[in-house]
C-alpha cells in the first residue's frame, strides 16, 4: 500500500511539474517493467510474442512522447 500511495504522489507531482506528453508516456510504461520483472523475479518464460508486444509498446510510447 505504501508503494501505491507513493506512486500516486509521484504521479501527481510529475503531472504538476513536467510536460504531460512525457509524463504520460513514462507512467504508461508499466507493462514493460512488470513483464521484465515477471521474467526475472518469477522465472516466467519470455517468448517471441511478449518480445514483439514490448517492442511495439516501446515504439508507441516513444511516438507519443514526440
PDB file of N, CA and C in Angstrom:
ATOM      1  N   UNK A   1       0.823  -1.188   0.000  1.00  0.00           N
ATOM      2  CA  UNK A   1       0.000   0.000   0.000  1.00  0.00           C
ATOM      3  C   UNK A   1       0.867   1.252   0.000  1.00  0.00           C
ATOM      4  N   UNK A   2       1.992   1.191   0.695  1.00  0.00           N
ATOM      5  CA  UNK A   2       2.870   2.354   0.754  1.00  0.00           C
ATOM      6  C   UNK A   2       3.454   2.657  -0.620  1.00  0.00           C
ATOM      7  N   UNK A   3       3.811   1.616  -1.373  1.00  0.00           N
ATOM      8  CA  UNK A   3       4.330   1.845  -2.722  1.00  0.00           C
ATOM      9  C   UNK A   3       3.258   2.431  -3.632  1.00  0.00           C
ATOM     10  N   UNK A   4       2.037   1.965  -3.503  1.00  0.00           N
ATOM     11  CA  UNK A   4       0.942   2.515  -4.301  1.00  0.00           C
ATOM     12  C   UNK A   4       0.670   3.971  -3.971  1.00  0.00           C
ATOM     13  N   UNK A   5       0.665   4.295  -2.687  1.00  0.00           N
ATOM     14  CA  UNK A   5       0.446   5.680  -2.277  1.00  0.00           C
ATOM     15  C   UNK A   5       1.597   6.570  -2.728  1.00  0.00           C
ATOM     16  N   UNK A   6       2.817   6.052  -2.618  1.00  0.00           N
ATOM     17  CA  UNK A   6       3.966   6.820  -3.102  1.00  0.00           C
ATOM     18  C   UNK A   6       3.911   7.035  -4.598  1.00  0.00           C
ATOM     19  N   UNK A   7       3.423   6.035  -5.317  1.00  0.00           N
ATOM     20  CA  UNK A   7       3.273   6.175  -6.763  1.00  0.00           C
ATOM     21  C   UNK A   7       2.252   7.228  -7.144  1.00  0.00           C
ATOM     22  N   UNK A   8       1.162   7.295  -6.406  1.00  0.00           N
ATOM     23  CA  UNK A   8       0.138   8.315  -6.673  1.00  0.00           C
ATOM     24  C   UNK A   8       0.697   9.710  -6.421  1.00  0.00           C
ATOM     25  N   UNK A   9       1.435   9.869  -5.338  1.00  0.00           N
ATOM     26  CA  UNK A   9       2.039  11.166  -5.033  1.00  0.00           C
ATOM     27  C   UNK A   9       3.050  11.545  -6.106  1.00  0.00           C
ATOM     28  N   UNK A  10       3.886  10.590  -6.499  1.00  0.00           N
ATOM     29  CA  UNK A  10       4.890  10.867  -7.527  1.00  0.00           C
ATOM     30  C   UNK A  10       4.240  11.205  -8.865  1.00  0.00           C
ATOM     31  N   UNK A  11       3.175  10.502  -9.214  1.00  0.00           N
ATOM     32  CA  UNK A  11       2.469  10.784 -10.466  1.00  0.00           C
ATOM     33  C   UNK A  11       1.842  12.172 -10.443  1.00  0.00           C
ATOM     34  N   UNK A  12       1.237  12.537  -9.329  1.00  0.00           N
ATOM     35  CA  UNK A  12       0.634  13.861  -9.206  1.00  0.00           C
ATOM     36  C   UNK A  12       1.678  14.954  -9.328  1.00  0.00           C
ATOM     37  N   UNK A  13       2.812  14.768  -8.670  1.00  0.00           N
ATOM     38  CA  UNK A  13       3.892  15.748  -8.769  1.00  0.00           C
ATOM     39  C   UNK A  13       4.456  15.817 -10.187  1.00  0.00           C
ATOM     40  N   UNK A  14       4.571  14.679 -10.837  1.00  0.00           N
ATOM     41  CA  UNK A  14       5.091  14.673 -12.199  1.00  0.00           C
ATOM     42  C   UNK A  14       4.165  15.411 -13.150  1.00  0.00           C
ATOM     43  N   UNK A  15       2.862  15.197 -13.014  1.00  0.00           N
ATOM     44  CA  UNK A  15       1.914  15.932 -13.864  1.00  0.00           C
ATOM     45  C   UNK A  15       1.930  17.430 -13.563  1.00  0.00           C
ATOM     46  N   UNK A  16       2.157  17.783 -12.298  1.00  0.00           N
ATOM     47  CA  UNK A  16       2.153  19.198 -11.933  1.00  0.00           C
ATOM     48  C   UNK A  16       3.407  19.923 -12.408  1.00  0.00           C
ATOM     49  N   UNK A  17       4.536  19.205 -12.486  1.00  0.00           N
ATOM     50  CA  UNK A  17       5.807  19.869 -12.787  1.00  0.00           C
ATOM     51  C   UNK A  17       6.381  19.562 -14.154  1.00  0.00           C
ATOM     52  N   UNK A  18       5.924  18.507 -14.809  1.00  0.00           N
ATOM     53  CA  UNK A  18       6.534  18.110 -16.073  1.00  0.00           C
ATOM     54  C   UNK A  18       5.573  18.238 -17.239  1.00  0.00           C
ATOM     55  N   UNK A  19       6.099  18.116 -18.451  1.00  0.00           N
ATOM     56  CA  UNK A  19       5.236  18.159 -19.618  1.00  0.00           C
ATOM     57  C   UNK A  19       4.366  16.903 -19.683  1.00  0.00           C
ATOM     58  N   UNK A  20       3.096  17.085 -19.942  1.00  0.00           N
ATOM     59  CA  UNK A  20       2.147  15.967 -19.928  1.00  0.00           C
ATOM     60  C   UNK A  20       2.488  14.920 -20.971  1.00  0.00           C
ATOM     61  N   UNK A  21       3.037  15.330 -22.111  1.00  0.00           N
ATOM     62  CA  UNK A  21       3.353  14.354 -23.152  1.00  0.00           C
ATOM     63  C   UNK A  21       4.449  13.397 -22.706  1.00  0.00           C
ATOM     64  N   UNK A  22       5.382  13.863 -21.928  1.00  0.00           N
ATOM     65  CA  UNK A  22       6.452  12.998 -21.430  1.00  0.00           C
ATOM     66  C   UNK A  22       6.004  12.201 -20.217  1.00  0.00           C
ATOM     67  N   UNK A  23       5.291  12.833 -19.307  1.00  0.00           N
ATOM     68  CA  UNK A  23       4.847  12.155 -18.087  1.00  0.00           C
ATOM     69  C   UNK A  23       3.901  11.008 -18.430  1.00  0.00           C
ATOM     70  N   UNK A  24       2.997  11.218 -19.365  1.00  0.00           N
ATOM     71  CA  UNK A  24       2.040  10.180 -19.736  1.00  0.00           C
ATOM     72  C   UNK A  24       2.739   8.969 -20.327  1.00  0.00           C
ATOM     73  N   UNK A  25       3.687   9.202 -21.181  1.00  0.00           N
ATOM     74  CA  UNK A  25       4.366   8.061 -21.797  1.00  0.00           C
ATOM     75  C   UNK A  25       5.248   7.312 -20.812  1.00  0.00           C
ATOM     76  N   UNK A  26       5.894   8.006 -19.921  1.00  0.00           N
ATOM     77  CA  UNK A  26       6.748   7.341 -18.930  1.00  0.00           C
ATOM     78  C   UNK A  26       5.905   6.555 -17.935  1.00  0.00           C
ATOM     79  N   UNK A  27       4.813   7.144 -17.454  1.00  0.00           N
ATOM     80  CA  UNK A  27       3.967   6.429 -16.494  1.00  0.00           C
ATOM     81  C   UNK A  27       3.175   5.315 -17.165  1.00  0.00           C
ATOM     82  N   UNK A  28       3.004   5.389 -18.471  1.00  0.00           N
ATOM     83  CA  UNK A  28       2.305   4.326 -19.175  1.00  0.00           C
ATOM     84  C   UNK A  28       3.176   3.135 -19.500  1.00  0.00           C
ATOM     85  N   UNK A  29       4.425   3.186 -19.104  1.00  0.00           N
ATOM     86  CA  UNK A  29       5.345   2.096 -19.441  1.00  0.00           C
ATOM     87  C   UNK A  29       5.351   0.979 -18.400  1.00  0.00           C
ATOM     88  N   UNK A  30       4.367   0.937 -17.510  1.00  0.00           N
ATOM     89  CA  UNK A  30       4.348  -0.112 -16.503  1.00  0.00           C
ATOM     90  C   UNK A  30       4.238  -1.525 -17.078  1.00  0.00           C
ATOM     91  N   UNK A  31       3.604  -1.773 -18.238  1.00  0.00           N
ATOM     92  CA  UNK A  31       3.616  -3.151 -18.758  1.00  0.00           C
ATOM     93  C   UNK A  31       5.023  -3.646 -19.080  1.00  0.00           C
ATOM     94  N   UNK A  32       5.880  -2.760 -19.532  1.00  0.00           N
ATOM     95  CA  UNK A  32       7.260  -3.151 -19.830  1.00  0.00           C
ATOM     96  C   UNK A  32       7.969  -3.553 -18.547  1.00  0.00           C
ATOM     97  N   UNK A  33       7.846  -2.738 -17.543  1.00  0.00           N
ATOM     98  CA  UNK A  33       8.519  -3.006 -16.269  1.00  0.00           C
ATOM     99  C   UNK A  33       7.968  -4.270 -15.622  1.00  0.00           C
ATOM    100  N   UNK A  34       6.645  -4.434 -15.615  1.00  0.00           N
ATOM    101  CA  UNK A  34       6.073  -5.612 -14.966  1.00  0.00           C
ATOM    102  C   UNK A  34       6.390  -6.896 -15.726  1.00  0.00           C
ATOM    103  N   UNK A  35       6.466  -6.839 -17.049  1.00  0.00           N
ATOM    104  CA  UNK A  35       6.810  -8.031 -17.818  1.00  0.00           C
ATOM    105  C   UNK A  35       8.255  -8.443 -17.574  1.00  0.00           C
ATOM    106  N   UNK A  36       9.153  -7.469 -17.555  1.00  0.00           N
ATOM    107  CA  UNK A  36      10.561  -7.776 -17.284  1.00  0.00           C
ATOM    108  C   UNK A  36      10.735  -8.278 -15.856  1.00  0.00           C
ATOM    109  N   UNK A  37      10.025  -7.667 -14.910  1.00  0.00           N
ATOM    110  CA  UNK A  37      10.111  -8.116 -13.520  1.00  0.00           C
ATOM    111  C   UNK A  37       9.559  -9.532 -13.372  1.00  0.00           C
ATOM    112  N   UNK A  38       8.483  -9.848 -14.075  1.00  0.00           N
ATOM    113  CA  UNK A  38       7.927 -11.197 -14.002  1.00  0.00           C
ATOM    114  C   UNK A  38       8.894 -12.210 -14.588  1.00  0.00           C
ATOM    115  N   UNK A  39       9.583 -11.835 -15.640  1.00  0.00           N
ATOM    116  CA  UNK A  39      10.551 -12.752 -16.238  1.00  0.00           C
ATOM    117  C   UNK A  39      11.744 -12.969 -15.309  1.00  0.00           C
ATOM    118  N   UNK A  40      12.209 -11.910 -14.670  1.00  0.00           N
ATOM    119  CA  UNK A  40      13.386 -12.019 -13.806  1.00  0.00           C
ATOM    120  C   UNK A  40      13.060 -12.598 -12.427  1.00  0.00           C
ATOM    121  N   UNK A  41      12.053 -12.057 -11.788  1.00  0.00           N
ATOM    122  CA  UNK A  41      11.765 -12.442 -10.411  1.00  0.00           C
ATOM    123  C   UNK A  41      10.975 -13.745 -10.310  1.00  0.00           C
ATOM    124  N   UNK A  42      10.046 -13.959 -11.233  1.00  0.00           N
ATOM    125  CA  UNK A  42       9.182 -15.131 -11.134  1.00  0.00           C
ATOM    126  C   UNK A  42       9.592 -16.265 -12.062  1.00  0.00           C
ATOM    127  N   UNK A  43      10.546 -15.984 -12.929  1.00  0.00           N
ATOM    128  CA  UNK A  43      11.024 -17.018 -13.831  1.00  0.00           C
ATOM    129  C   UNK A  43      10.059 -17.365 -14.955  1.00  0.00           C
ATOM    130  N   UNK A  44       9.166 -16.456 -15.283  1.00  0.00           N
ATOM    131  CA  UNK A  44       8.229 -16.716 -16.373  1.00  0.00           C
ATOM    132  C   UNK A  44       8.963 -16.720 -17.707  1.00  0.00           C
ATOM    133  N   UNK A  45       8.457 -17.501 -18.628  1.00  0.00           N
ATOM    134  CA  UNK A  45       9.088 -17.589 -19.941  1.00  0.00           C
ATOM    135  C   UNK A  45       8.783 -16.336 -20.755  1.00  0.00           C
ATOM    136  N   UNK A  46       9.776 -15.923 -21.485  1.00  0.00           N
ATOM    137  CA  UNK A  46       9.690 -14.723 -22.308  1.00  0.00           C
ATOM    138  C   UNK A  46       9.803 -15.172 -23.756  1.00  0.00           C
ATOM    139  N   UNK A  47       8.658 -15.250 -24.450  1.00  0.00           N
ATOM    140  CA  UNK A  47       8.639 -15.771 -25.811  1.00  0.00           C
ATOM    141  C   UNK A  47       8.610 -14.644 -26.821  1.00  0.00           C
ATOM    142  N   UNK A  48       8.552 -15.002 -28.083  1.00  0.00           N
ATOM    143  CA  UNK A  48       8.607 -14.006 -29.149  1.00  0.00           C
ATOM    144  C   UNK A  48       7.384 -13.109 -29.141  1.00  0.00           C
ATOM    145  N   UNK A  49       6.247 -13.603 -28.677  1.00  0.00           N
ATOM    146  CA  UNK A  49       5.044 -12.759 -28.631  1.00  0.00           C
ATOM    147  C   UNK A  49       5.204 -11.622 -27.633  1.00  0.00           C
ATOM    148  N   UNK A  50       5.752 -11.949 -26.474  1.00  0.00           N
ATOM    149  CA  UNK A  50       5.993 -10.907 -25.477  1.00  0.00           C
ATOM    150  C   UNK A  50       7.035  -9.913 -25.968  1.00  0.00           C
ATOM    151  N   UNK A  51       8.076 -10.414 -26.621  1.00  0.00           N
ATOM    152  CA  UNK A  51       9.113  -9.526 -27.148  1.00  0.00           C
ATOM    153  C   UNK A  51       8.543  -8.601 -28.218  1.00  0.00           C
ATOM    154  N   UNK A  52       7.701  -9.129 -29.090  1.00  0.00           N
ATOM    155  CA  UNK A  52       7.081  -8.295 -30.127  1.00  0.00           C
ATOM    156  C   UNK A  52       6.145  -7.267 -29.510  1.00  0.00           C
ATOM    157  N   UNK A  53       5.368  -7.684 -28.534  1.00  0.00           N
ATOM    158  CA  UNK A  53       4.443  -6.756 -27.887  1.00  0.00           C
ATOM    159  C   UNK A  53       5.185  -5.641 -27.166  1.00  0.00           C
ATOM    160  N   UNK A  54       6.259  -5.993 -26.454  1.00  0.00           N
ATOM    161  CA  UNK A  54       7.019  -4.978 -25.733  1.00  0.00           C
ATOM    162  C   UNK A  54       7.728  -4.021 -26.680  1.00  0.00           C
ATOM    163  N   UNK A  55       8.239  -4.540 -27.781  1.00  0.00           N
ATOM    164  CA  UNK A  55       8.913  -3.644 -28.722  1.00  0.00           C
ATOM    165  C   UNK A  55       7.916  -2.705 -29.392  1.00  0.00           C
ATOM    166  N   UNK A  56       6.734  -3.204 -29.739  1.00  0.00           N
ATOM    167  CA  UNK A  56       5.713  -2.321 -30.313  1.00  0.00           C
ATOM    168  C   UNK A  56       5.209  -1.312 -29.279  1.00  0.00           C
ATOM    169  N   UNK A  57       5.094  -1.758 -28.036  1.00  0.00           N
ATOM    170  CA  UNK A  57       4.673  -0.847 -26.978  1.00  0.00           C
ATOM    171  C   UNK A  57       5.701   0.255 -26.781  1.00  0.00           C
ATOM    172  N   UNK A  58       6.982  -0.117 -26.763  1.00  0.00           N
ATOM    173  CA  UNK A  58       8.041   0.882 -26.603  1.00  0.00           C
ATOM    174  C   UNK A  58       8.050   1.861 -27.776  1.00  0.00           C
ATOM    175  N   UNK A  59       7.823   1.353 -28.977  1.00  0.00           N
ATOM    176  CA  UNK A  59       7.737   2.235 -30.137  1.00  0.00           C
ATOM    177  C   UNK A  59       6.561   3.201 -29.999  1.00  0.00           C
ATOM    178  N   UNK A  60       5.431   2.696 -29.587  1.00  0.00           N
ATOM    179  CA  UNK A  60       4.264   3.560 -29.409  1.00  0.00           C
ATOM    180  C   UNK A  60       4.454   4.619 -28.346  1.00  0.00           C
ATOM    181  N   UNK A  61       5.072   4.235 -27.226  1.00  0.00           N
ATOM    182  CA  UNK A  61       5.331   5.191 -26.158  1.00  0.00           C
ATOM    183  C   UNK A  61       6.282   6.282 -26.651  1.00  0.00           C
ATOM    184  N   UNK A  62       7.301   5.907 -27.392  1.00  0.00           N
ATOM    185  CA  UNK A  62       8.227   6.917 -27.897  1.00  0.00           C
ATOM    186  C   UNK A  62       7.561   7.830 -28.911  1.00  0.00           C
ATOM    187  N   UNK A  63       6.635   7.308 -29.705  1.00  0.00           N
ATOM    188  CA  UNK A  63       5.917   8.166 -30.656  1.00  0.00           C
ATOM    189  C   UNK A  63       4.976   9.143 -29.936  1.00  0.00           C
ATOM    190  N   UNK A  64       4.383   8.688 -28.834  1.00  0.00           N
ATOM    191  CA  UNK A  64       3.524   9.592 -28.051  1.00  0.00           C
ATOM    192  C   UNK A  64       4.338  10.743 -27.476  1.00  0.00           C
ATOM    193  N   UNK A  65       5.551  10.425 -27.022  1.00  0.00           N
ATOM    194  CA  UNK A  65       6.392  11.450 -26.404  1.00  0.00           C
ATOM    195  C   UNK A  65       6.866  12.495 -27.403  1.00  0.00           C
ATOM    196  N   UNK A  66       6.865  12.148 -28.678  1.00  0.00           N
ATOM    197  CA  UNK A  66       7.293  13.120 -29.675  1.00  0.00           C
ATOM    198  C   UNK A  66       6.179  14.080 -29.917  1.00  0.00           C
TER     199      UNK A  66
END
